[in-house]
N, C-alpha and C. Protein backbone atom coordinates (compact mmCIF):
# COMPACT_ATOMS: atom_id res chain seq x y z
N MET A 1 0.81 -1.12 -0.05
CA MET A 1 -0.08 0.00 -0.01
C MET A 1 0.81 1.30 0.03
N ALA A 2 0.50 2.17 -0.82
CA ALA A 2 1.33 3.40 -0.92
C ALA A 2 1.08 4.27 0.29
N TYR A 3 1.89 5.20 0.65
CA TYR A 3 1.66 6.09 1.79
C TYR A 3 0.68 7.19 1.38
N ALA A 4 -0.08 7.58 2.33
CA ALA A 4 -0.98 8.70 2.20
C ALA A 4 -0.16 10.03 2.22
N SER A 5 -0.49 10.94 1.45
CA SER A 5 0.45 12.02 1.34
C SER A 5 0.32 12.89 2.66
N ALA A 6 -0.61 12.71 3.50
CA ALA A 6 -0.72 13.35 4.69
C ALA A 6 0.29 13.00 5.75
N LEU A 7 1.04 11.91 5.36
CA LEU A 7 2.03 11.41 6.33
C LEU A 7 3.48 11.86 5.94
N THR A 8 3.60 12.59 4.85
CA THR A 8 4.94 13.05 4.38
C THR A 8 5.49 14.15 5.26
N GLY A 9 6.70 14.15 5.55
CA GLY A 9 7.28 15.16 6.40
C GLY A 9 8.57 15.68 5.84
N PHE A 10 9.09 16.75 6.24
CA PHE A 10 10.32 17.25 5.84
C PHE A 10 11.11 17.77 7.00
N LYS A 11 12.51 17.35 7.00
CA LYS A 11 13.40 17.97 7.96
C LYS A 11 14.55 18.63 7.20
N PHE A 12 14.95 19.85 7.68
CA PHE A 12 16.05 20.65 7.12
C PHE A 12 16.99 20.81 8.29
N ASN A 13 18.20 20.54 8.23
CA ASN A 13 19.14 20.74 9.30
C ASN A 13 18.71 20.25 10.70
N ASN A 14 18.02 19.07 10.50
CA ASN A 14 17.42 18.25 11.67
C ASN A 14 16.29 18.84 12.36
N VAL A 15 15.76 19.95 11.67
CA VAL A 15 14.45 20.66 12.21
C VAL A 15 13.33 20.30 11.37
N LEU A 16 12.12 19.81 12.03
CA LEU A 16 11.03 19.52 11.21
C LEU A 16 10.43 20.87 10.65
N ILE A 17 10.16 20.90 9.33
CA ILE A 17 9.57 22.12 8.77
C ILE A 17 8.13 21.96 8.84
N PRO A 18 7.42 22.93 9.34
CA PRO A 18 6.00 22.83 9.40
C PRO A 18 5.29 23.35 8.30
N ALA A 19 4.04 23.01 8.09
CA ALA A 19 3.08 23.57 7.03
C ALA A 19 3.54 23.10 5.70
N VAL A 20 3.96 21.86 5.48
CA VAL A 20 4.37 21.43 4.22
C VAL A 20 3.18 20.99 3.38
N GLY A 21 2.99 21.48 2.24
CA GLY A 21 1.91 21.16 1.41
C GLY A 21 2.24 20.06 0.54
N SER A 22 3.37 19.96 -0.13
CA SER A 22 3.96 18.98 -0.82
C SER A 22 5.44 18.90 -1.16
N VAL A 23 5.88 17.79 -1.45
CA VAL A 23 7.42 17.63 -1.62
C VAL A 23 7.50 16.82 -3.00
N GLY A 24 8.35 17.33 -3.90
CA GLY A 24 8.62 16.67 -5.11
C GLY A 24 10.13 16.41 -5.20
N PHE A 25 10.45 15.19 -5.39
CA PHE A 25 11.90 14.67 -5.47
C PHE A 25 12.28 14.19 -6.83
N SER A 26 13.31 14.48 -7.39
CA SER A 26 13.66 13.94 -8.62
C SER A 26 15.30 13.52 -8.60
N LEU A 27 15.42 12.29 -8.97
CA LEU A 27 16.74 11.78 -9.15
C LEU A 27 16.93 11.12 -10.65
N GLN A 28 17.92 11.81 -11.30
CA GLN A 28 18.36 11.56 -12.66
C GLN A 28 19.68 10.94 -12.76
N ARG A 29 19.79 10.08 -13.64
CA ARG A 29 21.20 9.68 -14.18
C ARG A 29 21.24 9.65 -15.75
N ALA A 30 21.75 10.81 -16.29
CA ALA A 30 21.75 10.90 -17.73
C ALA A 30 22.88 9.98 -18.34
N PRO A 31 22.49 9.25 -19.37
CA PRO A 31 23.53 8.37 -19.95
C PRO A 31 24.55 9.20 -20.71
N LEU A 32 25.68 8.64 -20.89
CA LEU A 32 26.79 9.32 -21.64
C LEU A 32 27.02 8.46 -22.92
N ASP A 33 26.97 9.29 -24.10
CA ASP A 33 27.08 8.64 -25.24
C ASP A 33 28.54 8.24 -25.59
N ILE A 34 28.91 6.94 -25.91
CA ILE A 34 30.17 6.53 -26.12
C ILE A 34 30.31 5.76 -27.59
N THR A 35 29.40 6.28 -28.45
CA THR A 35 29.33 5.70 -29.82
C THR A 35 30.52 6.05 -30.53
N SER A 36 31.12 5.21 -31.24
CA SER A 36 32.36 5.43 -32.11
C SER A 36 31.71 5.89 -33.51
N ILE A 37 32.57 6.79 -34.05
CA ILE A 37 32.31 7.30 -35.29
C ILE A 37 32.12 6.08 -36.40
N GLY A 38 31.11 6.21 -37.11
CA GLY A 38 30.79 5.07 -38.11
C GLY A 38 30.04 4.03 -37.53
N SER A 39 29.66 3.91 -36.24
CA SER A 39 28.89 2.88 -35.75
C SER A 39 27.50 2.92 -36.37
N TRP A 40 26.84 1.72 -36.52
CA TRP A 40 25.50 1.48 -36.87
C TRP A 40 24.48 1.77 -35.72
N ASN A 41 24.91 1.55 -34.42
CA ASN A 41 24.08 1.82 -33.32
C ASN A 41 24.75 2.77 -32.24
N THR A 42 23.89 3.27 -31.45
CA THR A 42 24.29 4.12 -30.40
C THR A 42 24.56 3.35 -29.26
N TYR A 43 25.62 3.66 -28.49
CA TYR A 43 26.12 3.09 -27.22
C TYR A 43 26.10 4.07 -26.20
N PHE A 44 25.84 3.63 -24.96
CA PHE A 44 25.81 4.42 -23.80
C PHE A 44 26.43 3.76 -22.62
N ILE A 45 26.90 4.58 -21.67
CA ILE A 45 27.34 4.10 -20.25
C ILE A 45 26.52 4.93 -19.30
N ASP A 46 26.44 4.44 -18.08
CA ASP A 46 25.78 5.21 -16.94
C ASP A 46 26.54 6.58 -16.77
N GLY A 47 25.81 7.62 -16.65
CA GLY A 47 26.18 8.89 -16.39
C GLY A 47 26.24 9.17 -14.89
N VAL A 48 26.49 10.49 -14.58
CA VAL A 48 26.49 10.92 -13.10
C VAL A 48 25.09 11.28 -12.77
N ALA A 49 24.75 10.86 -11.52
CA ALA A 49 23.55 11.16 -11.01
C ALA A 49 23.40 12.48 -10.49
N SER A 50 22.18 13.03 -10.54
CA SER A 50 21.81 14.35 -10.13
C SER A 50 20.45 14.39 -9.51
N ALA A 51 20.34 15.06 -8.46
CA ALA A 51 19.05 15.02 -7.61
C ALA A 51 18.68 16.46 -7.25
N ALA A 52 17.34 16.66 -7.29
CA ALA A 52 16.83 18.02 -6.79
C ALA A 52 15.42 17.79 -6.21
N PHE A 53 14.95 18.73 -5.44
CA PHE A 53 13.57 18.67 -5.02
C PHE A 53 12.95 20.00 -4.72
N THR A 54 11.78 19.99 -4.72
CA THR A 54 10.88 21.27 -4.52
C THR A 54 10.05 20.94 -3.26
N LEU A 55 9.78 21.88 -2.52
CA LEU A 55 9.04 22.04 -1.20
C LEU A 55 7.96 23.05 -1.36
N ASP A 56 6.75 22.64 -1.31
CA ASP A 56 5.70 23.62 -1.35
C ASP A 56 5.11 23.71 0.07
N VAL A 57 5.10 24.90 0.59
CA VAL A 57 4.72 25.08 1.99
C VAL A 57 3.69 26.27 2.10
N TYR A 58 2.90 26.28 3.19
CA TYR A 58 2.02 27.50 3.55
C TYR A 58 2.96 28.41 4.45
N TYR A 59 3.40 29.38 3.82
CA TYR A 59 4.50 30.15 4.16
C TYR A 59 4.26 31.09 5.48
N SER A 60 5.25 30.95 6.25
CA SER A 60 5.45 32.11 7.33
C SER A 60 6.83 32.26 7.53
N ASP A 61 7.24 33.53 7.76
CA ASP A 61 8.74 33.80 8.05
C ASP A 61 9.18 32.97 9.23
N ALA A 62 8.56 32.93 10.27
CA ALA A 62 8.92 32.13 11.40
C ALA A 62 9.01 30.68 11.27
N ASP A 63 8.27 30.07 10.45
CA ASP A 63 8.46 28.60 10.19
C ASP A 63 9.52 28.30 9.23
N HIS A 64 9.76 29.15 8.32
CA HIS A 64 10.58 28.77 7.15
C HIS A 64 11.83 29.70 6.99
N ASP A 65 12.24 30.34 8.18
CA ASP A 65 13.29 31.21 8.24
C ASP A 65 14.72 30.49 7.79
N ASP A 66 14.88 29.23 8.25
CA ASP A 66 16.13 28.61 7.97
C ASP A 66 16.30 28.20 6.53
N LEU A 67 15.26 27.92 5.77
CA LEU A 67 15.35 27.68 4.36
C LEU A 67 15.68 28.94 3.60
N ILE A 68 15.12 30.15 4.01
CA ILE A 68 15.41 31.33 3.38
C ILE A 68 16.75 31.83 3.61
N PHE A 69 17.15 31.71 4.90
CA PHE A 69 18.55 32.08 5.36
C PHE A 69 19.63 31.34 4.54
N ASP A 70 19.43 30.03 4.20
CA ASP A 70 20.34 29.30 3.41
C ASP A 70 20.54 29.89 1.92
N LEU A 71 19.43 30.30 1.52
CA LEU A 71 19.41 30.87 0.08
C LEU A 71 20.05 32.27 0.17
N LEU A 72 19.74 33.11 1.10
CA LEU A 72 20.22 34.39 1.06
C LEU A 72 21.71 34.57 1.74
N ASN A 73 22.16 33.46 2.32
CA ASN A 73 23.48 33.75 2.81
C ASN A 73 24.35 32.53 2.39
N PRO A 74 24.67 32.42 1.08
CA PRO A 74 25.46 31.31 0.69
C PRO A 74 26.84 31.17 1.16
N THR A 75 27.39 32.04 1.76
CA THR A 75 28.80 31.98 2.39
C THR A 75 28.68 31.71 3.97
N ALA A 76 27.56 31.62 4.49
CA ALA A 76 27.37 31.38 5.92
C ALA A 76 27.84 30.12 6.29
N THR A 77 28.38 30.08 7.47
CA THR A 77 28.77 28.75 7.96
C THR A 77 27.86 28.27 8.98
N THR A 78 26.80 28.98 9.41
CA THR A 78 25.63 28.50 10.25
C THR A 78 24.31 28.64 9.59
N PRO A 79 23.70 27.62 9.23
CA PRO A 79 24.00 26.25 9.22
C PRO A 79 25.15 25.83 8.29
N THR A 80 25.93 24.91 8.56
CA THR A 80 27.03 24.45 7.64
C THR A 80 26.41 24.05 6.39
N ARG A 81 27.03 24.60 5.39
CA ARG A 81 26.60 24.22 3.94
C ARG A 81 27.41 23.08 3.32
N PRO A 82 26.88 22.16 2.65
CA PRO A 82 25.44 22.03 2.37
C PRO A 82 24.78 21.44 3.62
N VAL A 83 23.44 21.63 3.58
CA VAL A 83 22.65 21.24 4.79
C VAL A 83 21.86 19.94 4.65
N ALA A 84 21.94 19.27 5.74
CA ALA A 84 21.14 17.94 5.65
C ALA A 84 19.72 18.07 5.61
N PHE A 85 19.02 17.25 4.76
CA PHE A 85 17.65 17.12 4.59
C PHE A 85 17.11 15.68 4.81
N VAL A 86 15.87 15.48 5.09
CA VAL A 86 15.24 14.23 5.24
C VAL A 86 13.76 14.48 4.73
N ILE A 87 13.42 13.64 3.64
CA ILE A 87 11.96 13.53 3.30
C ILE A 87 11.39 12.28 3.81
N TYR A 88 10.35 12.24 4.59
CA TYR A 88 10.07 10.94 5.12
C TYR A 88 8.57 10.67 4.81
N PHE A 89 8.19 9.46 4.65
CA PHE A 89 6.90 9.16 4.22
C PHE A 89 5.91 8.32 5.21
N ASP A 90 6.48 7.80 6.35
CA ASP A 90 5.79 6.93 7.02
C ASP A 90 5.19 7.52 8.37
N GLY A 91 5.38 8.79 8.59
CA GLY A 91 4.76 9.51 9.63
C GLY A 91 5.20 9.13 11.07
N LYS A 92 6.36 8.31 11.14
CA LYS A 92 6.85 7.88 12.50
C LYS A 92 7.84 8.97 13.12
N ALA A 93 7.98 8.94 14.38
CA ALA A 93 8.93 9.75 14.92
C ALA A 93 10.32 9.53 14.60
N THR A 94 10.69 8.23 14.47
CA THR A 94 12.06 7.88 13.80
C THR A 94 11.61 7.24 12.49
N PRO A 95 11.72 8.00 11.44
CA PRO A 95 11.24 7.49 10.12
C PRO A 95 12.13 6.24 9.67
N VAL A 96 11.37 5.37 9.09
CA VAL A 96 11.97 4.16 8.51
C VAL A 96 12.02 4.35 6.83
N ASP A 97 11.14 4.90 6.39
CA ASP A 97 11.08 5.05 4.86
C ASP A 97 11.33 6.61 4.53
N TYR A 98 12.48 6.84 4.15
CA TYR A 98 12.77 8.20 3.84
C TYR A 98 13.83 8.29 2.68
N ILE A 99 13.93 9.60 2.17
CA ILE A 99 15.07 9.97 1.23
C ILE A 99 15.89 10.98 2.03
N SER A 100 17.20 10.87 1.99
CA SER A 100 18.03 11.99 2.67
C SER A 100 19.31 12.30 1.95
N GLY A 101 19.93 13.29 2.29
CA GLY A 101 21.17 13.64 1.81
C GLY A 101 21.50 15.12 2.23
N ASN A 102 22.33 15.74 1.43
CA ASN A 102 22.66 17.16 1.75
C ASN A 102 22.23 18.01 0.63
N CYS A 103 21.97 19.26 0.84
CA CYS A 103 21.33 20.15 -0.34
C CYS A 103 21.80 21.60 -0.02
N ILE A 104 21.75 22.35 -1.06
CA ILE A 104 21.74 23.91 -0.98
C ILE A 104 20.42 24.38 -1.60
N ILE A 105 19.81 25.40 -0.85
CA ILE A 105 18.50 25.97 -1.37
C ILE A 105 18.94 26.79 -2.58
N THR A 106 18.18 26.56 -3.72
CA THR A 106 18.46 27.30 -4.92
C THR A 106 17.38 28.33 -5.43
N GLY A 107 16.21 28.25 -4.91
CA GLY A 107 15.20 29.00 -5.28
C GLY A 107 13.94 29.22 -4.20
N PHE A 108 13.40 30.30 -4.32
CA PHE A 108 12.27 30.67 -3.42
C PHE A 108 11.20 31.55 -4.11
N ASP A 109 10.04 30.96 -4.32
CA ASP A 109 8.92 31.61 -4.98
C ASP A 109 7.79 31.79 -3.95
N VAL A 110 7.22 32.90 -3.82
CA VAL A 110 6.11 33.06 -2.97
C VAL A 110 4.89 33.61 -3.61
N VAL A 111 3.68 33.15 -3.42
CA VAL A 111 2.55 33.58 -4.04
C VAL A 111 1.50 33.99 -2.88
N SER A 112 1.00 35.12 -2.88
CA SER A 112 0.04 35.63 -1.91
C SER A 112 -1.14 36.39 -2.65
N SER A 113 -2.27 35.86 -2.39
CA SER A 113 -3.51 36.44 -2.85
C SER A 113 -4.46 36.97 -1.85
N ALA A 114 -5.12 37.99 -2.13
CA ALA A 114 -6.02 38.64 -1.12
C ALA A 114 -7.05 37.57 -0.54
N GLY A 115 -7.15 37.36 0.74
CA GLY A 115 -8.04 36.51 1.26
C GLY A 115 -7.65 35.03 1.23
N ASP A 116 -6.42 34.77 0.90
CA ASP A 116 -6.05 33.36 0.78
C ASP A 116 -4.66 33.19 1.58
N VAL A 117 -4.35 31.85 1.75
CA VAL A 117 -3.22 31.62 2.49
C VAL A 117 -1.96 31.85 1.64
N THR A 118 -0.85 32.40 2.13
CA THR A 118 0.42 32.62 1.56
C THR A 118 1.11 31.34 1.28
N ARG A 119 1.51 31.04 0.12
CA ARG A 119 2.20 29.84 -0.21
C ARG A 119 3.63 30.12 -0.79
N ALA A 120 4.60 29.24 -0.52
CA ALA A 120 5.85 29.36 -1.14
C ALA A 120 6.30 28.04 -1.66
N SER A 121 7.15 28.14 -2.79
CA SER A 121 7.75 26.89 -3.28
C SER A 121 9.32 27.26 -3.19
N ILE A 122 9.97 26.23 -2.53
CA ILE A 122 11.27 26.27 -2.38
C ILE A 122 11.92 25.17 -3.05
N SER A 123 12.97 25.48 -3.83
CA SER A 123 13.71 24.38 -4.59
C SER A 123 15.18 24.24 -4.01
N ALA A 124 15.73 23.07 -4.29
CA ALA A 124 17.00 22.74 -3.76
C ALA A 124 17.73 21.83 -4.65
N GLN A 125 19.06 21.95 -4.74
CA GLN A 125 19.98 20.97 -5.45
C GLN A 125 20.55 20.15 -4.38
N VAL A 126 20.48 18.80 -4.67
CA VAL A 126 21.08 17.85 -3.86
C VAL A 126 22.67 17.81 -4.00
N VAL A 127 23.44 17.73 -2.96
CA VAL A 127 24.89 17.79 -3.12
C VAL A 127 25.41 16.55 -2.68
N GLY A 128 26.02 15.67 -3.46
CA GLY A 128 26.62 14.38 -3.02
C GLY A 128 25.72 13.31 -3.08
N ALA A 129 25.76 12.24 -2.27
CA ALA A 129 25.07 11.02 -2.24
C ALA A 129 23.60 11.23 -1.93
N VAL A 130 22.71 10.35 -2.44
CA VAL A 130 21.36 10.29 -1.90
C VAL A 130 21.13 9.00 -1.27
N ASN A 131 20.45 8.99 -0.08
CA ASN A 131 20.11 7.78 0.61
C ASN A 131 18.58 7.57 0.40
N VAL A 132 18.16 6.32 0.00
CA VAL A 132 16.94 5.92 -0.03
C VAL A 132 16.82 4.71 0.89
N SER A 133 15.90 4.90 1.76
CA SER A 133 15.84 3.72 2.90
C SER A 133 14.41 3.40 2.92
N GLY A 134 14.17 2.02 3.17
CA GLY A 134 12.89 1.57 3.27
C GLY A 134 12.17 1.32 1.92
N ASP A 135 10.89 0.96 1.98
CA ASP A 135 10.09 0.79 0.79
C ASP A 135 9.38 2.02 0.51
N VAL A 136 9.90 2.90 -0.08
CA VAL A 136 9.23 4.21 -0.42
C VAL A 136 7.90 4.02 -1.08
N ALA A 137 7.85 3.21 -1.99
CA ALA A 137 6.45 2.72 -2.46
C ALA A 137 6.45 1.22 -2.13
N ASP A 138 5.33 0.78 -1.67
CA ASP A 138 5.22 -0.58 -1.30
C ASP A 138 5.91 -1.54 -2.20
N LYS A 139 6.93 -2.36 -1.72
CA LYS A 139 7.58 -3.29 -2.66
C LYS A 139 8.37 -2.51 -3.73
N GLY A 140 8.63 -1.18 -3.53
CA GLY A 140 9.25 -0.50 -4.63
C GLY A 140 10.81 -0.23 -4.40
N ILE A 141 11.17 0.88 -4.42
CA ILE A 141 12.61 1.28 -4.12
C ILE A 141 12.96 0.73 -2.61
N ALA A 142 14.03 0.09 -2.47
CA ALA A 142 14.41 -0.40 -1.21
C ALA A 142 15.91 -0.50 -1.27
N GLU A 143 16.58 0.48 -1.19
CA GLU A 143 18.19 0.45 -1.27
C GLU A 143 18.82 1.56 -0.59
N ILE A 144 19.97 1.38 -0.23
CA ILE A 144 20.88 2.42 0.17
C ILE A 144 21.94 2.36 -0.63
N PRO A 145 22.33 3.21 -1.55
CA PRO A 145 23.38 3.29 -2.35
C PRO A 145 24.71 3.38 -1.76
N PRO A 146 25.84 2.78 -2.27
CA PRO A 146 27.12 2.96 -1.57
C PRO A 146 27.49 4.43 -1.61
N THR A 147 28.31 4.81 -0.37
CA THR A 147 28.78 6.25 -0.18
C THR A 147 30.21 6.33 -0.62
């Protein structure tokens, strides 16, 4: 059984980020073309992995100050950059099913309409290895890649 989206959580610098609307995570490994000149077929090898995520929140400065600080102060040492993140799916105090790694915040978009809740979309680039633990989708991904 897949997880209900209401159970998704997000930690940044080991701090639970409140008011999360949604999290989108992307892990890509673009192939590298190694085809010889004059070949009849195209040949590829595994390329370098790259990951990024977006975090949509119901925005307030008090709740999301750490995320904005990371974007506005790229040379700051507190919190140490890149910053640890955890996206977890099982709603447990000690998550079993999660995606984690280190990231830098790369974007912040805020939308505010009269009479509506202010929302923000925060994007981040993952730096280094990505850890996928547990069964993120039931009987789906279940691995921790080598570090």
